[in-house]
């Protein structure tokens, strides 16, 4: 078997093992493929991703960094590495790699500056980062659920934070809500946090009317009515939920 065929065979075998949820076997096969082609950036990212999945962040970091040695400034490798560093609260490391992102208008660049600002609890930088993100629709190119969860976490920082976050959420809701239940829940939760109760109620009711799988949305409505102390709507909701059970 030629080296290239051997690499492809082990890579495909690894993919199949991963689909069967056998991550350890998948990793073994990816590594066999890697031994044949140590400069394959896609393969290096796949190995790193598997290590993240297995909870071995140190090894994952090593493989993302190897990918960047092979292809400096590779946006996908940088995106993956920065996501991992953020999970680990390694803001100093993040600051080292963010400047390697070539496109200063890219979502990857602005997202990670936003995340460093969160880790540093720097309200001014959070605002500036959100202004840049909200002014550019690049954040819509790929659905990033963790980003929207991060947005909710900074909801109460300032009026500007609320304004920019709301702009981002409105655009994301328009694009994803028909296909993605989670954006509805995250956006509604954000609206509840900033006391936009009627708007939150509207999007939750719209989802409930159009979808049978809606217990999570009913639970958020309960949270909403409890927070605004709306006893009448809370009582009506309890009756609806009793009938659903």
C-alpha atoms as a PDB file:
ATOM      1  CA  UNK A   1       0.000   0.000   0.000  1.00  0.00           C
ATOM      2  CA  UNK A   2       1.376   3.429  -0.952  1.00  0.00           C
ATOM      3  CA  UNK A   3       1.969   5.973   1.811  1.00  0.00           C
ATOM      4  CA  UNK A   4      -0.888   8.180   0.601  1.00  0.00           C
ATOM      5  CA  UNK A   5      -3.321   5.255   0.432  1.00  0.00           C
ATOM      6  CA  UNK A   6      -2.249   4.139   3.913  1.00  0.00           C
ATOM      7  CA  UNK A   7      -2.830   7.651   5.268  1.00  0.00           C
ATOM      8  CA  UNK A   8      -6.286   7.878   3.673  1.00  0.00           C
ATOM      9  CA  UNK A   9      -7.201   4.375   4.853  1.00  0.00           C
ATOM     10  CA  UNK A  10      -6.330   5.150   8.482  1.00  0.00           C
ATOM     11  CA  UNK A  11      -7.998   8.559   8.348  1.00  0.00           C
ATOM     12  CA  UNK A  12     -11.273   7.116   6.997  1.00  0.00           C
ATOM     13  CA  UNK A  13     -11.068   4.266   9.501  1.00  0.00           C
ATOM     14  CA  UNK A  14     -10.663   6.878  12.252  1.00  0.00           C
ATOM     15  CA  UNK A  15     -13.712   8.782  11.013  1.00  0.00           C
ATOM     16  CA  UNK A  16     -15.767   5.586  11.046  1.00  0.00           C
ATOM     17  CA  UNK A  17     -14.650   4.759  14.597  1.00  0.00           C
ATOM     18  CA  UNK A  18     -15.545   8.286  15.714  1.00  0.00           C
ATOM     19  CA  UNK A  19     -19.030   7.920  14.219  1.00  0.00           C
ATOM     20  CA  UNK A  20     -19.412   4.744  16.289  1.00  0.00           C
ATOM     21  CA  UNK A  21     -18.402   6.856  19.327  1.00  0.00           C
ATOM     22  CA  UNK A  22     -15.191   4.873  19.809  1.00  0.00           C
ATOM     23  CA  UNK A  23     -12.992   7.921  20.314  1.00  0.00           C
ATOM     24  CA  UNK A  24      -9.915   6.045  21.532  1.00  0.00           C
ATOM     25  CA  UNK A  25      -9.798   3.843  18.403  1.00  0.00           C
ATOM     26  CA  UNK A  26     -10.471   6.889  16.236  1.00  0.00           C
ATOM     27  CA  UNK A  27      -7.498   8.658  17.808  1.00  0.00           C
ATOM     28  CA  UNK A  28      -5.231   5.639  17.245  1.00  0.00           C
ATOM     29  CA  UNK A  29      -6.131   5.576  13.545  1.00  0.00           C
ATOM     30  CA  UNK A  30      -5.725   9.328  13.138  1.00  0.00           C
ATOM     31  CA  UNK A  31      -2.269   9.047  14.689  1.00  0.00           C
ATOM     32  CA  UNK A  32      -1.330   6.263  12.248  1.00  0.00           C
ATOM     33  CA  UNK A  33      -2.338   8.589   9.416  1.00  0.00           C
ATOM     34  CA  UNK A  34      -0.354  11.402  11.058  1.00  0.00           C
ATOM     35  CA  UNK A  35       2.820   9.273  11.137  1.00  0.00           C
ATOM     36  CA  UNK A  36       2.595   9.090   7.337  1.00  0.00           C
ATOM     37  CA  UNK A  37       1.896  12.811   6.811  1.00  0.00           C
ATOM     38  CA  UNK A  38       3.027  15.031   9.689  1.00  0.00           C
ATOM     39  CA  UNK A  39       2.338  18.239   7.776  1.00  0.00           C
ATOM     40  CA  UNK A  40      -1.373  17.648   7.210  1.00  0.00           C
ATOM     41  CA  UNK A  41      -3.141  20.582   8.893  1.00  0.00           C
ATOM     42  CA  UNK A  42      -6.607  19.009   8.591  1.00  0.00           C
ATOM     43  CA  UNK A  43      -5.380  15.848  10.300  1.00  0.00           C
ATOM     44  CA  UNK A  44      -3.622  17.806  13.053  1.00  0.00           C
ATOM     45  CA  UNK A  45      -6.855  19.684  13.766  1.00  0.00           C
ATOM     46  CA  UNK A  46      -8.854  16.439  13.844  1.00  0.00           C
ATOM     47  CA  UNK A  47      -6.431  14.895  16.352  1.00  0.00           C
ATOM     48  CA  UNK A  48      -6.544  18.037  18.503  1.00  0.00           C
ATOM     49  CA  UNK A  49     -10.352  18.086  18.356  1.00  0.00           C
ATOM     50  CA  UNK A  50     -10.463  14.470  19.527  1.00  0.00           C
ATOM     51  CA  UNK A  51      -8.167  15.252  22.436  1.00  0.00           C
ATOM     52  CA  UNK A  52     -10.547  18.069  23.437  1.00  0.00           C
ATOM     53  CA  UNK A  53     -13.415  15.579  23.235  1.00  0.00           C
ATOM     54  CA  UNK A  54     -11.471  13.192  25.471  1.00  0.00           C
ATOM     55  CA  UNK A  55     -10.740  15.977  27.965  1.00  0.00           C
ATOM     56  CA  UNK A  56      -6.984  16.078  27.330  1.00  0.00           C
ATOM     57  CA  UNK A  57      -6.613  19.820  26.728  1.00  0.00           C
ATOM     58  CA  UNK A  58      -2.824  19.834  27.012  1.00  0.00           C
ATOM     59  CA  UNK A  59      -2.386  17.407  24.107  1.00  0.00           C
ATOM     60  CA  UNK A  60      -5.078  19.228  22.130  1.00  0.00           C
ATOM     61  CA  UNK A  61      -3.132  22.468  22.522  1.00  0.00           C
ATOM     62  CA  UNK A  62       0.047  20.754  21.333  1.00  0.00           C
ATOM     63  CA  UNK A  63      -1.585  19.541  18.111  1.00  0.00           C
ATOM     64  CA  UNK A  64      -3.248  22.871  17.326  1.00  0.00           C
ATOM     65  CA  UNK A  65       0.148  24.514  17.801  1.00  0.00           C
ATOM     66  CA  UNK A  66       1.773  21.919  15.515  1.00  0.00           C
ATOM     67  CA  UNK A  67      -0.820  22.823  12.875  1.00  0.00           C
ATOM     68  CA  UNK A  68       0.195  26.478  13.213  1.00  0.00           C
ATOM     69  CA  UNK A  69       3.867  25.552  12.841  1.00  0.00           C
ATOM     70  CA  UNK A  70       3.009  23.865   9.537  1.00  0.00           C
ATOM     71  CA  UNK A  71       0.689  26.657   8.381  1.00  0.00           C
ATOM     72  CA  UNK A  72       1.197  29.898  10.332  1.00  0.00           C
ATOM     73  CA  UNK A  73      -1.854  32.192  10.497  1.00  0.00           C
ATOM     74  CA  UNK A  74      -4.220  29.362   9.499  1.00  0.00           C
ATOM     75  CA  UNK A  75      -7.548  30.816  10.623  1.00  0.00           C
ATOM     76  CA  UNK A  76      -9.221  27.480  11.370  1.00  0.00           C
ATOM     77  CA  UNK A  77      -6.342  26.289  13.579  1.00  0.00           C
ATOM     78  CA  UNK A  78      -6.258  29.662  15.338  1.00  0.00           C
ATOM     79  CA  UNK A  79     -10.031  29.612  15.846  1.00  0.00           C
ATOM     80  CA  UNK A  80      -9.872  26.140  17.402  1.00  0.00           C
ATOM     81  CA  UNK A  81      -6.854  26.900  19.584  1.00  0.00           C
ATOM     82  CA  UNK A  82      -8.319  30.187  20.841  1.00  0.00           C
ATOM     83  CA  UNK A  83     -11.618  28.474  21.664  1.00  0.00           C
ATOM     84  CA  UNK A  84      -9.695  25.942  23.764  1.00  0.00           C
ATOM     85  CA  UNK A  85      -7.573  28.596  25.497  1.00  0.00           C
ATOM     86  CA  UNK A  86     -10.759  30.479  26.384  1.00  0.00           C
ATOM     87  CA  UNK A  87     -12.244  27.333  27.924  1.00  0.00           C
ATOM     88  CA  UNK A  88      -9.105  27.107  30.050  1.00  0.00           C
ATOM     89  CA  UNK A  89      -9.193  30.829  31.008  1.00  0.00           C
ATOM     90  CA  UNK A  90      -5.697  31.287  29.508  1.00  0.00           C
ATOM     91  CA  UNK A  91      -6.018  34.940  28.555  1.00  0.00           C
ATOM     92  CA  UNK A  92      -2.245  35.549  28.374  1.00  0.00           C
ATOM     93  CA  UNK A  93      -1.925  32.736  25.829  1.00  0.00           C
ATOM     94  CA  UNK A  94      -4.946  34.088  23.952  1.00  0.00           C
ATOM     95  CA  UNK A  95      -3.276  37.497  23.694  1.00  0.00           C
ATOM     96  CA  UNK A  96      -0.257  35.798  22.141  1.00  0.00           C
ATOM     97  CA  UNK A  97      -2.268  34.118  19.366  1.00  0.00           C
ATOM     98  CA  UNK A  98      -4.972  36.715  18.565  1.00  0.00           C
ATOM     99  CA  UNK A  99      -2.507  38.973  16.632  1.00  0.00           C
ATOM    100  CA  UNK A 100      -1.761  35.999  14.352  1.00  0.00           C
ATOM    101  CA  UNK A 101      -5.268  36.339  12.854  1.00  0.00           C
ATOM    102  CA  UNK A 102      -4.584  38.233   9.621  1.00  0.00           C
ATOM    103  CA  UNK A 103      -8.087  39.611   8.970  1.00  0.00           C
ATOM    104  CA  UNK A 104      -8.719  42.241  11.646  1.00  0.00           C
ATOM    105  CA  UNK A 105     -12.387  42.435  10.594  1.00  0.00           C
ATOM    106  CA  UNK A 106     -12.950  38.691  10.944  1.00  0.00           C
ATOM    107  CA  UNK A 107     -15.308  37.271  13.528  1.00  0.00           C
ATOM    108  CA  UNK A 108     -12.492  35.102  14.932  1.00  0.00           C
ATOM    109  CA  UNK A 109     -10.423  38.214  15.679  1.00  0.00           C
ATOM    110  CA  UNK A 110     -13.254  40.258  17.213  1.00  0.00           C
ATOM    111  CA  UNK A 111     -14.750  37.307  19.105  1.00  0.00           C
ATOM    112  CA  UNK A 112     -11.498  36.531  20.869  1.00  0.00           C
ATOM    113  CA  UNK A 113     -10.831  40.153  21.793  1.00  0.00           C
ATOM    114  CA  UNK A 114     -14.344  40.133  23.275  1.00  0.00           C
ATOM    115  CA  UNK A 115     -13.548  36.973  25.221  1.00  0.00           C
ATOM    116  CA  UNK A 116     -10.274  38.350  26.583  1.00  0.00           C
ATOM    117  CA  UNK A 117     -12.228  41.427  27.713  1.00  0.00           C
ATOM    118  CA  UNK A 118     -14.694  39.133  29.529  1.00  0.00           C
ATOM    119  CA  UNK A 119     -11.857  37.264  31.270  1.00  0.00           C
ATOM    120  CA  UNK A 120     -10.268  40.582  32.278  1.00  0.00           C
ATOM    121  CA  UNK A 121     -13.646  42.012  33.341  1.00  0.00           C
ATOM    122  CA  UNK A 122     -12.881  45.070  31.183  1.00  0.00           C
ATOM    123  CA  UNK A 123     -16.231  46.758  30.485  1.00  0.00           C
ATOM    124  CA  UNK A 124     -14.785  49.267  28.009  1.00  0.00           C
ATOM    125  CA  UNK A 125     -13.142  46.549  25.886  1.00  0.00           C
ATOM    126  CA  UNK A 126     -16.305  44.423  26.026  1.00  0.00           C
ATOM    127  CA  UNK A 127     -18.273  47.373  24.612  1.00  0.00           C
ATOM    128  CA  UNK A 128     -15.723  48.102  21.867  1.00  0.00           C
ATOM    129  CA  UNK A 129     -15.567  44.446  20.813  1.00  0.00           C
ATOM    130  CA  UNK A 130     -19.356  44.121  20.706  1.00  0.00           C
ATOM    131  CA  UNK A 131     -19.646  47.313  18.655  1.00  0.00           C
ATOM    132  CA  UNK A 132     -17.257  45.821  16.072  1.00  0.00           C
ATOM    133  CA  UNK A 133     -19.081  42.476  16.013  1.00  0.00           C
ATOM    134  CA  UNK A 134     -22.555  44.055  15.765  1.00  0.00           C
ATOM    135  CA  UNK A 135     -21.421  46.346  12.911  1.00  0.00           C
ATOM    136  CA  UNK A 136     -20.264  43.429  10.770  1.00  0.00           C
ATOM    137  CA  UNK A 137     -22.398  40.428   9.779  1.00  0.00           C
ATOM    138  CA  UNK A 138     -19.436  38.035   9.675  1.00  0.00           C
ATOM    139  CA  UNK A 139     -20.616  36.512  12.961  1.00  0.00           C
ATOM    140  CA  UNK A 140     -23.549  35.064  10.989  1.00  0.00           C
ATOM    141  CA  UNK A 141     -21.306  33.030   8.672  1.00  0.00           C
ATOM    142  CA  UNK A 142     -21.151  30.167  11.156  1.00  0.00           C
ATOM    143  CA  UNK A 143     -23.437  29.436  14.118  1.00  0.00           C
ATOM    144  CA  UNK A 144     -21.428  29.717  17.348  1.00  0.00           C
ATOM    145  CA  UNK A 145     -23.627  28.849  20.314  1.00  0.00           C
ATOM    146  CA  UNK A 146     -20.971  29.570  22.938  1.00  0.00           C
ATOM    147  CA  UNK A 147     -20.752  33.150  21.677  1.00  0.00           C
ATOM    148  CA  UNK A 148     -24.467  33.737  22.273  1.00  0.00           C
ATOM    149  CA  UNK A 149     -24.177  32.242  25.759  1.00  0.00           C
ATOM    150  CA  UNK A 150     -21.267  34.637  26.412  1.00  0.00           C
ATOM    151  CA  UNK A 151     -23.472  37.529  25.265  1.00  0.00           C
ATOM    152  CA  UNK A 152     -26.076  36.653  27.881  1.00  0.00           C
ATOM    153  CA  UNK A 153     -23.371  36.593  30.568  1.00  0.00           C
ATOM    154  CA  UNK A 154     -22.504  40.279  29.945  1.00  0.00           C
ATOM    155  CA  UNK A 155     -26.131  41.417  29.500  1.00  0.00           C
ATOM    156  CA  UNK A 156     -26.184  43.778  32.465  1.00  0.00           C
ATOM    157  CA  UNK A 157     -22.798  45.477  32.072  1.00  0.00           C
ATOM    158  CA  UNK A 158     -23.986  48.732  30.480  1.00  0.00           C
ATOM    159  CA  UNK A 159     -26.598  50.315  28.208  1.00  0.00           C
ATOM    160  CA  UNK A 160     -24.202  50.028  25.261  1.00  0.00           C
ATOM    161  CA  UNK A 161     -23.534  46.357  25.957  1.00  0.00           C
ATOM    162  CA  UNK A 162     -27.288  45.737  25.919  1.00  0.00           C
ATOM    163  CA  UNK A 163     -27.710  47.767  22.713  1.00  0.00           C
ATOM    164  CA  UNK A 164     -24.947  45.979  20.768  1.00  0.00           C
ATOM    165  CA  UNK A 165     -25.908  42.544  22.112  1.00  0.00           C
ATOM    166  CA  UNK A 166     -29.529  43.126  21.134  1.00  0.00           C
ATOM    167  CA  UNK A 167     -28.491  43.999  17.570  1.00  0.00           C
ATOM    168  CA  UNK A 168     -26.462  40.781  17.364  1.00  0.00           C
ATOM    169  CA  UNK A 169     -29.256  38.649  18.819  1.00  0.00           C
ATOM    170  CA  UNK A 170     -31.906  40.120  16.500  1.00  0.00           C
ATOM    171  CA  UNK A 171     -29.809  39.257  13.435  1.00  0.00           C
ATOM    172  CA  UNK A 172     -28.993  35.767  14.739  1.00  0.00           C
ATOM    173  CA  UNK A 173     -32.632  35.127  15.658  1.00  0.00           C
ATOM    174  CA  UNK A 174     -33.795  36.096  12.155  1.00  0.00           C
ATOM    175  CA  UNK A 175     -31.254  33.796  10.536  1.00  0.00           C
ATOM    176  CA  UNK A 176     -31.339  30.743  12.804  1.00  0.00           C
ATOM    177  CA  UNK A 177     -34.649  30.562  14.710  1.00  0.00           C
ATOM    178  CA  UNK A 178     -36.473  28.488  12.075  1.00  0.00           C
ATOM    179  CA  UNK A 179     -33.786  25.784  12.245  1.00  0.00           C
ATOM    180  CA  UNK A 180     -32.281  26.116  15.693  1.00  0.00           C
ATOM    181  CA  UNK A 181     -34.254  25.844  18.921  1.00  0.00           C
ATOM    182  CA  UNK A 182     -31.331  26.868  21.116  1.00  0.00           C
ATOM    183  CA  UNK A 183     -31.026  30.400  19.722  1.00  0.00           C
ATOM    184  CA  UNK A 184     -34.683  30.960  20.703  1.00  0.00           C
ATOM    185  CA  UNK A 185     -33.966  29.894  24.295  1.00  0.00           C
ATOM    186  CA  UNK A 186     -30.711  31.863  24.587  1.00  0.00           C
ATOM    187  CA  UNK A 187     -32.227  35.030  23.090  1.00  0.00           C
ATOM    188  CA  UNK A 188     -35.331  34.753  25.297  1.00  0.00           C
ATOM    189  CA  UNK A 189     -33.104  34.287  28.338  1.00  0.00           C
ATOM    190  CA  UNK A 190     -31.116  37.396  27.358  1.00  0.00           C
ATOM    191  CA  UNK A 191     -34.345  39.408  26.970  1.00  0.00           C
ATOM    192  CA  UNK A 192     -35.548  38.244  30.384  1.00  0.00           C
ATOM    193  CA  UNK A 193     -32.195  39.293  31.900  1.00  0.00           C
ATOM    194  CA  UNK A 194     -32.567  42.824  30.491  1.00  0.00           C
ATOM    195  CA  UNK A 195     -36.269  42.925  31.519  1.00  0.00           C
ATOM    196  CA  UNK A 196     -37.617  43.011  27.951  1.00  0.00           C
ATOM    197  CA  UNK A 197     -40.422  40.759  29.123  1.00  0.00           C
ATOM    198  CA  UNK A 198     -42.972  41.316  26.339  1.00  0.00           C
ATOM    199  CA  UNK A 199     -40.406  40.740  23.601  1.00  0.00           C
ATOM    200  CA  UNK A 200     -39.232  37.549  25.324  1.00  0.00           C
ATOM    201  CA  UNK A 201     -42.845  36.430  25.693  1.00  0.00           C
ATOM    202  CA  UNK A 202     -43.504  37.060  21.987  1.00  0.00           C
ATOM    203  CA  UNK A 203     -40.645  34.902  20.711  1.00  0.00           C
ATOM    204  CA  UNK A 204     -41.388  32.122  23.208  1.00  0.00           C
ATOM    205  CA  UNK A 205     -45.100  32.069  22.331  1.00  0.00           C
ATOM    206  CA  UNK A 206     -44.272  32.037  18.618  1.00  0.00           C
ATOM    207  CA  UNK A 207     -42.053  29.003  19.143  1.00  0.00           C
ATOM    208  CA  UNK A 208     -44.607  27.215  21.345  1.00  0.00           C
ATOM    209  CA  UNK A 209     -47.401  27.682  18.783  1.00  0.00           C
ATOM    210  CA  UNK A 210     -45.269  26.267  15.954  1.00  0.00           C
ATOM    211  CA  UNK A 211     -43.515  23.400  17.770  1.00  0.00           C
ATOM    212  CA  UNK A 212     -44.782  20.486  19.835  1.00  0.00           C
ATOM    213  CA  UNK A 213     -41.451  19.931  21.588  1.00  0.00           C
ATOM    214  CA  UNK A 214     -41.752  23.055  23.725  1.00  0.00           C
ATOM    215  CA  UNK A 215     -41.436  22.257  27.444  1.00  0.00           C
ATOM    216  CA  UNK A 216     -38.182  24.238  27.700  1.00  0.00           C
ATOM    217  CA  UNK A 217     -39.946  27.302  26.308  1.00  0.00           C
ATOM    218  CA  UNK A 218     -42.806  26.884  28.788  1.00  0.00           C
ATOM    219  CA  UNK A 219     -40.197  26.719  31.566  1.00  0.00           C
ATOM    220  CA  UNK A 220     -38.703  30.014  30.360  1.00  0.00           C
ATOM    221  CA  UNK A 221     -42.175  31.575  30.296  1.00  0.00           C
ATOM    222  CA  UNK A 222     -42.567  30.484  33.907  1.00  0.00           C
ATOM    223  CA  UNK A 223     -39.234  32.167  34.744  1.00  0.00           C
ATOM    224  CA  UNK A 224     -40.365  35.306  32.918  1.00  0.00           C
ATOM    225  CA  UNK A 225     -43.742  35.578  34.684  1.00  0.00           C
ATOM    226  CA  UNK A 226     -42.112  34.847  38.051  1.00  0.00           C
ATOM    227  CA  UNK A 227     -39.486  37.588  37.545  1.00  0.00           C
ATOM    228  CA  UNK A 228     -42.077  40.194  36.596  1.00  0.00           C
ATOM    229  CA  UNK A 229     -44.418  38.936  39.344  1.00  0.00           C
ATOM    230  CA  UNK A 230     -47.279  38.404  36.871  1.00  0.00           C
ATOM    231  CA  UNK A 231     -49.470  36.150  39.026  1.00  0.00           C
ATOM    232  CA  UNK A 232     -52.381  35.924  36.574  1.00  0.00           C
ATOM    233  CA  UNK A 233     -50.232  34.739  33.648  1.00  0.00           C
ATOM    234  CA  UNK A 234     -48.330  32.402  35.962  1.00  0.00           C
ATOM    235  CA  UNK A 235     -51.591  30.792  37.081  1.00  0.00           C
ATOM    236  CA  UNK A 236     -52.775  30.430  33.463  1.00  0.00           C
ATOM    237  CA  UNK A 237     -49.447  28.866  32.533  1.00  0.00           C
ATOM    238  CA  UNK A 238     -49.697  26.330  35.364  1.00  0.00           C
ATOM    239  CA  UNK A 239     -53.139  25.277  34.068  1.00  0.00           C
ATOM    240  CA  UNK A 240     -51.755  24.805  30.539  1.00  0.00           C
ATOM    241  CA  UNK A 241     -48.837  22.727  31.850  1.00  0.00           C
ATOM    242  CA  UNK A 242     -51.158  20.544  33.959  1.00  0.00           C
ATOM    243  CA  UNK A 243     -53.182  19.791  30.829  1.00  0.00           C
ATOM    244  CA  UNK A 244     -50.021  18.895  28.897  1.00  0.00           C
ATOM    245  CA  UNK A 245     -48.873  16.341  31.466  1.00  0.00           C
END
